Amino acid sequence: GPCTECSCSSGKETDKNTSNSKKKGNEDQPFIPKIFFGTRTHKQISQITRELKKTVYSSVPMTILSSRDYTCIHPVVSGSGSNRNEMCVELLEGKHGKSCLYYHGVHKLSEHHALQSAHRMYQAWDIEDLVSLGKKLRACAYFAARELMVGADIVFCPYNYLLDPQIRESMDINLKGQVVILDEAHNIEDCARESVSYGVTESQLRAAREELDFMVNNNIRQKDHEPLRAVCCSLT
């Protein structure tokens, strides 16, 4: 007979466009909020998931959002320096005629965790566990973690994933109606400042001013570029 122990018994497909809320099978089904647990560092997430394993909530569906620095398993991209994000995007877009075979295997990793949850074999995991399984299944741990957010009850992530609006948008995080827990919240002020701050060198400012000079002098969107040139001049 059909499985009655999990959500798969409903036979409804998951809509990826609403990845941050439990799907309403019908109007009578109540909205169940997710718990977003923010920490200062990835190391603290490891400590928290280790403690979660010791509790009766170890079988609750969860995921960990982190950067490609921690979850990318592509041998070339993960071995590169600070341009992992750019290299990943280039592979996904197939700019140089190459694609990422690990990205195309994401479903293997996300379905593996979904099956474990369905058969009550699910257990809290850490980033290293996901990466290790990703290497075994040849599946991208970075995008698998994002897909697992759809059915997760608890989402662990660093502070900036919750505070930075650009990261929230790129990760499809909608905090409206959700539960937000901030570990060691006295660090939030510094993190919030970093989220809306940007570092730039004097040489970068001078190079930007030269380009803006060229655009203004050649009447290229002059009204837009003149104020920017004024900012560069004032800063230098």
C-alpha atoms as a PDB file:
ATOM      1  CA  GLY A   1       0.000   0.000   0.000  1.00  0.00           C
ATOM      2  CA  PRO A   2       0.998   3.666  -0.192  1.00  0.00           C
ATOM      3  CA  CYS A   3       3.415   5.068   2.363  1.00  0.00           C
ATOM      4  CA  THR A   4       1.593   6.907   5.145  1.00  0.00           C
ATOM      5  CA  GLU A   5       4.598   7.909   7.218  1.00  0.00           C
ATOM      6  CA  CYS A   6       5.827  10.874   5.194  1.00  0.00           C
ATOM      7  CA  SER A   7       4.857  13.662   2.835  1.00  0.00           C
ATOM      8  CA  CYS A   8       5.449  11.515  -0.256  1.00  0.00           C
ATOM      9  CA  SER A   9       2.113   9.743   0.402  1.00  0.00           C
ATOM     10  CA  SER A  10       0.289  12.846  -0.801  1.00  0.00           C
ATOM     11  CA  GLY A  11       1.608  12.307  -4.313  1.00  0.00           C
ATOM     12  CA  LYS A  12       2.058  16.047  -4.808  1.00  0.00           C
ATOM     13  CA  GLU A  13       5.114  17.470  -6.513  1.00  0.00           C
ATOM     14  CA  THR A  14       7.227  20.084  -4.782  1.00  0.00           C
ATOM     15  CA  ASP A  15       7.209  23.566  -6.240  1.00  0.00           C
ATOM     16  CA  LYS A  16      10.792  24.871  -6.243  1.00  0.00           C
ATOM     17  CA  ASN A  17       9.669  28.461  -6.588  1.00  0.00           C
ATOM     18  CA  THR A  18       8.427  28.477  -2.993  1.00  0.00           C
ATOM     19  CA  SER A  19      11.437  26.826  -1.448  1.00  0.00           C
ATOM     20  CA  ASN A  20      11.271  28.633   1.888  1.00  0.00           C
ATOM     21  CA  SER A  21       7.870  27.489   3.139  1.00  0.00           C
ATOM     22  CA  LYS A  22       6.131  24.199   3.672  1.00  0.00           C
ATOM     23  CA  LYS A  23       3.782  23.635   0.780  1.00  0.00           C
ATOM     24  CA  LYS A  24       0.043  23.824   1.408  1.00  0.00           C
ATOM     25  CA  GLY A  25      -1.591  20.687  -0.010  1.00  0.00           C
ATOM     26  CA  ASN A  26      -4.915  22.400   0.530  1.00  0.00           C
ATOM     27  CA  GLU A  27      -6.274  25.501   2.233  1.00  0.00           C
ATOM     28  CA  ASP A  28      -6.978  23.632   5.479  1.00  0.00           C
ATOM     29  CA  GLN A  29      -3.341  22.611   6.009  1.00  0.00           C
ATOM     30  CA  PRO A  30      -1.627  25.019   8.423  1.00  0.00           C
ATOM     31  CA  PHE A  31       1.590  26.837   7.535  1.00  0.00           C
ATOM     32  CA  ILE A  32       4.549  25.349   9.399  1.00  0.00           C
ATOM     33  CA  PRO A  33       7.445  27.778   9.793  1.00  0.00           C
ATOM     34  CA  LYS A  34      11.063  26.794   9.373  1.00  0.00           C
ATOM     35  CA  ILE A  35      13.716  27.441  11.979  1.00  0.00           C
ATOM     36  CA  PHE A  36      16.660  29.447  10.624  1.00  0.00           C
ATOM     37  CA  PHE A  37      19.599  29.029  12.980  1.00  0.00           C
ATOM     38  CA  GLY A  38      22.344  31.598  12.348  1.00  0.00           C
ATOM     39  CA  THR A  39      25.884  31.289  13.701  1.00  0.00           C
ATOM     40  CA  ARG A  40      29.037  33.368  13.421  1.00  0.00           C
ATOM     41  CA  THR A  41      31.261  30.716  11.811  1.00  0.00           C
ATOM     42  CA  HIS A  42      30.950  27.420   9.962  1.00  0.00           C
ATOM     43  CA  LYS A  43      32.857  25.744  12.798  1.00  0.00           C
ATOM     44  CA  GLN A  44      30.051  26.647  15.206  1.00  0.00           C
ATOM     45  CA  ILE A  45      27.543  24.989  12.871  1.00  0.00           C
ATOM     46  CA  SER A  46      29.578  21.776  13.201  1.00  0.00           C
ATOM     47  CA  GLN A  47      29.372  22.031  16.987  1.00  0.00           C
ATOM     48  CA  ILE A  48      25.607  22.609  16.934  1.00  0.00           C
ATOM     49  CA  THR A  49      24.841  19.730  14.556  1.00  0.00           C
ATOM     50  CA  ARG A  50      27.009  17.475  16.715  1.00  0.00           C
ATOM     51  CA  GLU A  51      24.843  18.366  19.713  1.00  0.00           C
ATOM     52  CA  LEU A  52      21.670  17.956  17.639  1.00  0.00           C
ATOM     53  CA  LYS A  53      22.629  14.329  16.950  1.00  0.00           C
ATOM     54  CA  LYS A  54      22.423  13.650  20.686  1.00  0.00           C
ATOM     55  CA  THR A  55      18.803  14.788  20.964  1.00  0.00           C
ATOM     56  CA  VAL A  56      15.457  13.236  20.018  1.00  0.00           C
ATOM     57  CA  TYR A  57      15.279  15.813  17.196  1.00  0.00           C
ATOM     58  CA  SER A  58      18.188  14.260  15.323  1.00  0.00           C
ATOM     59  CA  SER A  59      15.788  12.833  12.721  1.00  0.00           C
ATOM     60  CA  VAL A  60      14.218  16.228  11.892  1.00  0.00           C
ATOM     61  CA  PRO A  61      14.888  17.201   8.226  1.00  0.00           C
ATOM     62  CA  MET A  62      17.607  19.842   8.108  1.00  0.00           C
ATOM     63  CA  THR A  63      20.139  21.465   5.839  1.00  0.00           C
ATOM     64  CA  ILE A  64      23.237  23.633   6.101  1.00  0.00           C
ATOM     65  CA  LEU A  65      23.750  26.595   3.786  1.00  0.00           C
ATOM     66  CA  SER A  66      27.398  27.426   3.186  1.00  0.00           C
ATOM     67  CA  SER A  67      29.716  28.820   0.547  1.00  0.00           C
ATOM     68  CA  ARG A  68      31.405  26.954  -2.298  1.00  0.00           C
ATOM     69  CA  ASP A  69      34.643  27.241  -0.295  1.00  0.00           C
ATOM     70  CA  TYR A  70      33.303  24.522   1.993  1.00  0.00           C
ATOM     71  CA  THR A  71      31.069  22.448  -0.302  1.00  0.00           C
ATOM     72  CA  CYS A  72      32.432  22.517  -3.868  1.00  0.00           C
ATOM     73  CA  ILE A  73      33.809  19.109  -4.912  1.00  0.00           C
ATOM     74  CA  HIS A  74      34.779  19.941  -8.495  1.00  0.00           C
ATOM     75  CA  PRO A  75      38.531  19.150  -8.598  1.00  0.00           C
ATOM     76  CA  VAL A  76      39.459  22.251 -10.655  1.00  0.00           C
ATOM     77  CA  VAL A  77      37.109  24.779  -9.038  1.00  0.00           C
ATOM     78  CA  SER A  78      37.707  23.647  -5.452  1.00  0.00           C
ATOM     79  CA  GLY A  79      41.460  23.748  -6.016  1.00  0.00           C
ATOM     80  CA  SER A  80      41.423  27.312  -7.318  1.00  0.00           C
ATOM     81  CA  GLY A  81      42.019  30.430  -5.258  1.00  0.00           C
ATOM     82  CA  SER A  82      39.467  33.142  -4.574  1.00  0.00           C
ATOM     83  CA  ASN A  83      37.479  32.884  -7.820  1.00  0.00           C
ATOM     84  CA  ARG A  84      35.480  29.730  -7.071  1.00  0.00           C
ATOM     85  CA  ASN A  85      32.137  31.504  -7.509  1.00  0.00           C
ATOM     86  CA  GLU A  86      33.080  32.882 -10.922  1.00  0.00           C
ATOM     87  CA  MET A  87      34.452  29.539 -12.140  1.00  0.00           C
ATOM     88  CA  CYS A  88      31.320  27.743 -10.952  1.00  0.00           C
ATOM     89  CA  VAL A  89      29.040  30.190 -12.782  1.00  0.00           C
ATOM     90  CA  GLU A  90      31.097  29.824 -15.969  1.00  0.00           C
ATOM     91  CA  LEU A  91      30.752  26.045 -15.838  1.00  0.00           C
ATOM     92  CA  LEU A  92      27.005  26.244 -15.233  1.00  0.00           C
ATOM     93  CA  GLU A  93      26.605  28.625 -18.162  1.00  0.00           C
ATOM     94  CA  GLY A  94      28.855  26.474 -20.358  1.00  0.00           C
ATOM     95  CA  LYS A  95      30.846  29.503 -21.511  1.00  0.00           C
ATOM     96  CA  HIS A  96      33.850  27.494 -22.661  1.00  0.00           C
ATOM     97  CA  GLY A  97      31.965  24.465 -23.898  1.00  0.00           C
ATOM     98  CA  LYS A  98      32.372  22.685 -20.569  1.00  0.00           C
ATOM     99  CA  SER A  99      29.781  21.877 -17.935  1.00  0.00           C
ATOM    100  CA  CYS A 100      29.841  20.624 -14.345  1.00  0.00           C
ATOM    101  CA  LEU A 101      28.923  16.949 -14.158  1.00  0.00           C
ATOM    102  CA  TYR A 102      28.632  17.228 -10.364  1.00  0.00           C
ATOM    103  CA  TYR A 103      25.856  19.819 -10.707  1.00  0.00           C
ATOM    104  CA  HIS A 104      23.868  17.471 -12.932  1.00  0.00           C
ATOM    105  CA  GLY A 105      24.048  14.843 -10.170  1.00  0.00           C
ATOM    106  CA  VAL A 106      22.532  17.067  -7.467  1.00  0.00           C
ATOM    107  CA  HIS A 107      19.312  15.010  -7.377  1.00  0.00           C
ATOM    108  CA  LYS A 108      21.295  11.919  -6.311  1.00  0.00           C
ATOM    109  CA  LEU A 109      22.371  13.678  -3.131  1.00  0.00           C
ATOM    110  CA  SER A 110      19.088  15.410  -2.290  1.00  0.00           C
ATOM    111  CA  GLU A 111      17.041  12.253  -3.001  1.00  0.00           C
ATOM    112  CA  HIS A 112      19.395  10.204  -0.847  1.00  0.00           C
ATOM    113  CA  HIS A 113      18.576  12.376   2.182  1.00  0.00           C
ATOM    114  CA  ALA A 114      14.868  12.435   1.276  1.00  0.00           C
ATOM    115  CA  LEU A 115      14.754   8.625   1.197  1.00  0.00           C
ATOM    116  CA  GLN A 116      16.554   8.410   4.527  1.00  0.00           C
ATOM    117  CA  SER A 117      13.990  10.760   6.055  1.00  0.00           C
ATOM    118  CA  ALA A 118      11.090   8.789   4.553  1.00  0.00           C
ATOM    119  CA  HIS A 119      12.322   5.540   6.071  1.00  0.00           C
ATOM    120  CA  ARG A 120      13.134   7.145   9.432  1.00  0.00           C
ATOM    121  CA  MET A 121      16.860   6.518   8.982  1.00  0.00           C
ATOM    122  CA  TYR A 122      17.533  10.250   8.922  1.00  0.00           C
ATOM    123  CA  GLN A 123      20.164  11.688  11.250  1.00  0.00           C
ATOM    124  CA  ALA A 124      21.566  15.179  11.713  1.00  0.00           C
ATOM    125  CA  TRP A 125      24.612  15.736   9.530  1.00  0.00           C
ATOM    126  CA  ASP A 126      27.477  18.176   9.143  1.00  0.00           C
ATOM    127  CA  ILE A 127      28.964  19.895   6.071  1.00  0.00           C
ATOM    128  CA  GLU A 128      31.799  17.350   5.993  1.00  0.00           C
ATOM    129  CA  ASP A 129      29.248  14.510   5.926  1.00  0.00           C
ATOM    130  CA  LEU A 130      27.457  16.076   2.956  1.00  0.00           C
ATOM    131  CA  VAL A 131      30.693  16.735   1.064  1.00  0.00           C
ATOM    132  CA  SER A 132      31.903  13.185   1.699  1.00  0.00           C
ATOM    133  CA  LEU A 133      28.623  11.739   0.402  1.00  0.00           C
ATOM    134  CA  GLY A 134      28.739  14.141  -2.549  1.00  0.00           C
ATOM    135  CA  LYS A 135      32.160  12.839  -3.563  1.00  0.00           C
ATOM    136  CA  LYS A 136      30.908   9.274  -3.269  1.00  0.00           C
ATOM    137  CA  LEU A 137      27.809   9.947  -5.410  1.00  0.00           C
ATOM    138  CA  ARG A 138      29.637  12.465  -7.673  1.00  0.00           C
ATOM    139  CA  ALA A 139      27.001  15.074  -6.825  1.00  0.00           C
ATOM    140  CA  CYS A 140      27.333  18.775  -5.939  1.00  0.00           C
ATOM    141  CA  ALA A 141      27.001  19.322  -2.193  1.00  0.00           C
ATOM    142  CA  TYR A 142      26.566  23.104  -2.578  1.00  0.00           C
ATOM    143  CA  PHE A 143      23.402  22.974  -4.674  1.00  0.00           C
ATOM    144  CA  ALA A 144      22.121  19.840  -2.906  1.00  0.00           C
ATOM    145  CA  ALA A 145      22.094  21.734   0.399  1.00  0.00           C
ATOM    146  CA  ARG A 146      20.018  24.466  -1.257  1.00  0.00           C
ATOM    147  CA  GLU A 147      17.540  21.930  -2.653  1.00  0.00           C
ATOM    148  CA  LEU A 148      17.211  20.282   0.757  1.00  0.00           C
ATOM    149  CA  MET A 149      16.028  23.637   2.151  1.00  0.00           C
ATOM    150  CA  VAL A 150      12.649  23.011   0.491  1.00  0.00           C
ATOM    151  CA  GLY A 151      11.719  20.203   2.879  1.00  0.00           C
ATOM    152  CA  ALA A 152      13.918  21.156   5.824  1.00  0.00           C
ATOM    153  CA  ASP A 153      12.475  22.083   9.208  1.00  0.00           C
ATOM    154  CA  ILE A 154      15.797  23.498  10.435  1.00  0.00           C
ATOM    155  CA  VAL A 155      18.179  25.527   8.278  1.00  0.00           C
ATOM    156  CA  PHE A 156      21.653  26.233   9.657  1.00  0.00           C
ATOM    157  CA  CYS A 157      23.719  29.036   8.133  1.00  0.00           C
ATOM    158  CA  PRO A 158      26.198  31.821   8.965  1.00  0.00           C
ATOM    159  CA  TYR A 159      24.828  35.206  10.091  1.00  0.00           C
ATOM    160  CA  ASN A 160      25.353  36.937   6.749  1.00  0.00           C
ATOM    161  CA  TYR A 161      22.971  34.552   4.964  1.00  0.00           C
ATOM    162  CA  LEU A 162      20.197  36.057   7.078  1.00  0.00           C
ATOM    163  CA  LEU A 163      21.409  39.658   7.320  1.00  0.00           C
ATOM    164  CA  ASP A 164      22.666  40.396   3.814  1.00  0.00           C
ATOM    165  CA  PRO A 165      19.721  41.105   1.459  1.00  0.00           C
ATOM    166  CA  GLN A 166      21.730  40.133  -1.626  1.00  0.00           C
ATOM    167  CA  ILE A 167      22.602  36.728  -0.190  1.00  0.00           C
ATOM    168  CA  ARG A 168      19.007  36.185   0.947  1.00  0.00           C
ATOM    169  CA  GLU A 169      17.802  36.900  -2.577  1.00  0.00           C
ATOM    170  CA  SER A 170      20.379  34.681  -4.271  1.00  0.00           C
ATOM    171  CA  MET A 171      19.677  31.801  -1.864  1.00  0.00           C
ATOM    172  CA  ASP A 172      15.860  32.241  -2.069  1.00  0.00           C
ATOM    173  CA  ILE A 173      15.609  32.853   1.672  1.00  0.00           C
ATOM    174  CA  ASN A 174      12.332  34.428   2.804  1.00  0.00           C
ATOM    175  CA  LEU A 175      12.250  35.042   6.556  1.00  0.00           C
ATOM    176  CA  LYS A 176       8.652  36.284   6.738  1.00  0.00           C
ATOM    177  CA  GLY A 177       6.720  34.128   9.188  1.00  0.00           C
ATOM    178  CA  GLN A 178       9.762  31.972   9.970  1.00  0.00           C
ATOM    179  CA  VAL A 179      11.559  31.386  13.272  1.00  0.00           C
ATOM    180  CA  VAL A 180      15.020  32.975  13.454  1.00  0.00           C
ATOM    181  CA  ILE A 181      17.560  31.986  16.111  1.00  0.00           C
ATOM    182  CA  LEU A 182      20.872  33.851  16.342  1.00  0.00           C
ATOM    183  CA  ASP A 183      23.644  32.155  18.284  1.00  0.00           C
ATOM    184  CA  GLU A 184      25.969  34.543  20.157  1.00  0.00           C
ATOM    185  CA  ALA A 185      23.921  37.508  18.965  1.00  0.00           C
ATOM    186  CA  HIS A 186      26.344  40.051  20.433  1.00  0.00           C
ATOM    187  CA  ASN A 187      28.342  39.576  17.204  1.00  0.00           C
ATOM    188  CA  ILE A 188      25.412  40.701  15.041  1.00  0.00           C
ATOM    189  CA  GLU A 189      26.394  44.404  14.977  1.00  0.00           C
ATOM    190  CA  ASP A 190      29.799  43.710  13.422  1.00  0.00           C
ATOM    191  CA  CYS A 191      28.301  41.265  10.933  1.00  0.00           C
ATOM    192  CA  ALA A 192      25.593  43.759   9.936  1.00  0.00           C
ATOM    193  CA  ARG A 193      28.224  46.444   9.319  1.00  0.00           C
ATOM    194  CA  GLU A 194      30.264  44.042   7.181  1.00  0.00           C
ATOM    195  CA  SER A 195      27.184  43.171   5.123  1.00  0.00           C
ATOM    196  CA  VAL A 196      26.726  46.790   4.014  1.00  0.00           C
ATOM    197  CA  SER A 197      30.420  47.677   3.769  1.00  0.00           C
ATOM    198  CA  TYR A 198      32.857  47.413   0.902  1.00  0.00           C
ATOM    199  CA  GLY A 199      36.623  47.748   0.767  1.00  0.00           C
ATOM    200  CA  VAL A 200      38.342  49.523  -2.119  1.00  0.00           C
ATOM    201  CA  THR A 201      41.963  50.544  -2.721  1.00  0.00           C
ATOM    202  CA  GLU A 202      43.195  53.940  -3.858  1.00  0.00           C
ATOM    203  CA  SER A 203      44.485  52.453  -7.129  1.00  0.00           C
ATOM    204  CA  GLN A 204      41.039  51.010  -7.832  1.00  0.00           C
ATOM    205  CA  LEU A 205      39.474  54.432  -7.192  1.00  0.00           C
ATOM    206  CA  ARG A 206      41.928  56.135  -9.559  1.00  0.00           C
ATOM    207  CA  ALA A 207      41.297  53.517 -12.266  1.00  0.00           C
ATOM    208  CA  ALA A 208      37.535  53.963 -11.866  1.00  0.00           C
ATOM    209  CA  ARG A 209      37.892  57.747 -12.077  1.00  0.00           C
ATOM    210  CA  GLU A 210      39.873  57.466 -15.319  1.00  0.00           C
ATOM    211  CA  GLU A 211      37.196  55.283 -16.896  1.00  0.00           C
ATOM    212  CA  LEU A 212      34.467  57.653 -15.724  1.00  0.00           C
ATOM    213  CA  ASP A 213      36.416  60.602 -17.140  1.00  0.00           C
ATOM    214  CA  PHE A 214      36.478  58.873 -20.520  1.00  0.00           C
ATOM    215  CA  MET A 215      32.722  58.211 -20.411  1.00  0.00           C
ATOM    216  CA  VAL A 216      31.835  61.749 -19.352  1.00  0.00           C
ATOM    217  CA  ASN A 217      34.150  63.331 -21.949  1.00  0.00           C
ATOM    218  CA  ASN A 218      32.628  61.142 -24.677  1.00  0.00           C
ATOM    219  CA  ASN A 219      29.087  61.952 -23.556  1.00  0.00           C
ATOM    220  CA  ILE A 220      28.298  58.350 -22.628  1.00  0.00           C
ATOM    221  CA  ARG A 221      25.376  58.471 -20.148  1.00  0.00           C
ATOM    222  CA  GLN A 222      26.883  61.671 -18.826  1.00  0.00           C
ATOM    223  CA  LYS A 223      24.149  62.345 -16.251  1.00  0.00           C
ATOM    224  CA  ASP A 224      24.737  58.929 -14.658  1.00  0.00           C
ATOM    225  CA  HIS A 225      28.531  58.970 -14.700  1.00  0.00           C
ATOM    226  CA  GLU A 226      29.227  62.509 -13.523  1.00  0.00           C
ATOM    227  CA  PRO A 227      27.954  61.915  -9.949  1.00  0.00           C
ATOM    228  CA  LEU A 228      29.988  58.691  -9.769  1.00  0.00           C
ATOM    229  CA  ARG A 229      33.091  60.527 -10.935  1.00  0.00           C
ATOM    230  CA  ALA A 230      32.497  63.152  -8.243  1.00  0.00           C
ATOM    231  CA  VAL A 231      32.366  60.427  -5.578  1.00  0.00           C
ATOM    232  CA  CYS A 232      35.641  58.916  -6.793  1.00  0.00           C
ATOM    233  CA  CYS A 233      37.297  62.338  -6.822  1.00  0.00           C
ATOM    234  CA  SER A 234      36.123  63.167  -3.322  1.00  0.00           C
ATOM    235  CA  LEU A 235      37.342  59.828  -1.935  1.00  0.00           C
ATOM    236  CA  THR A 236      40.778  60.056  -3.578  1.00  0.00           C
END
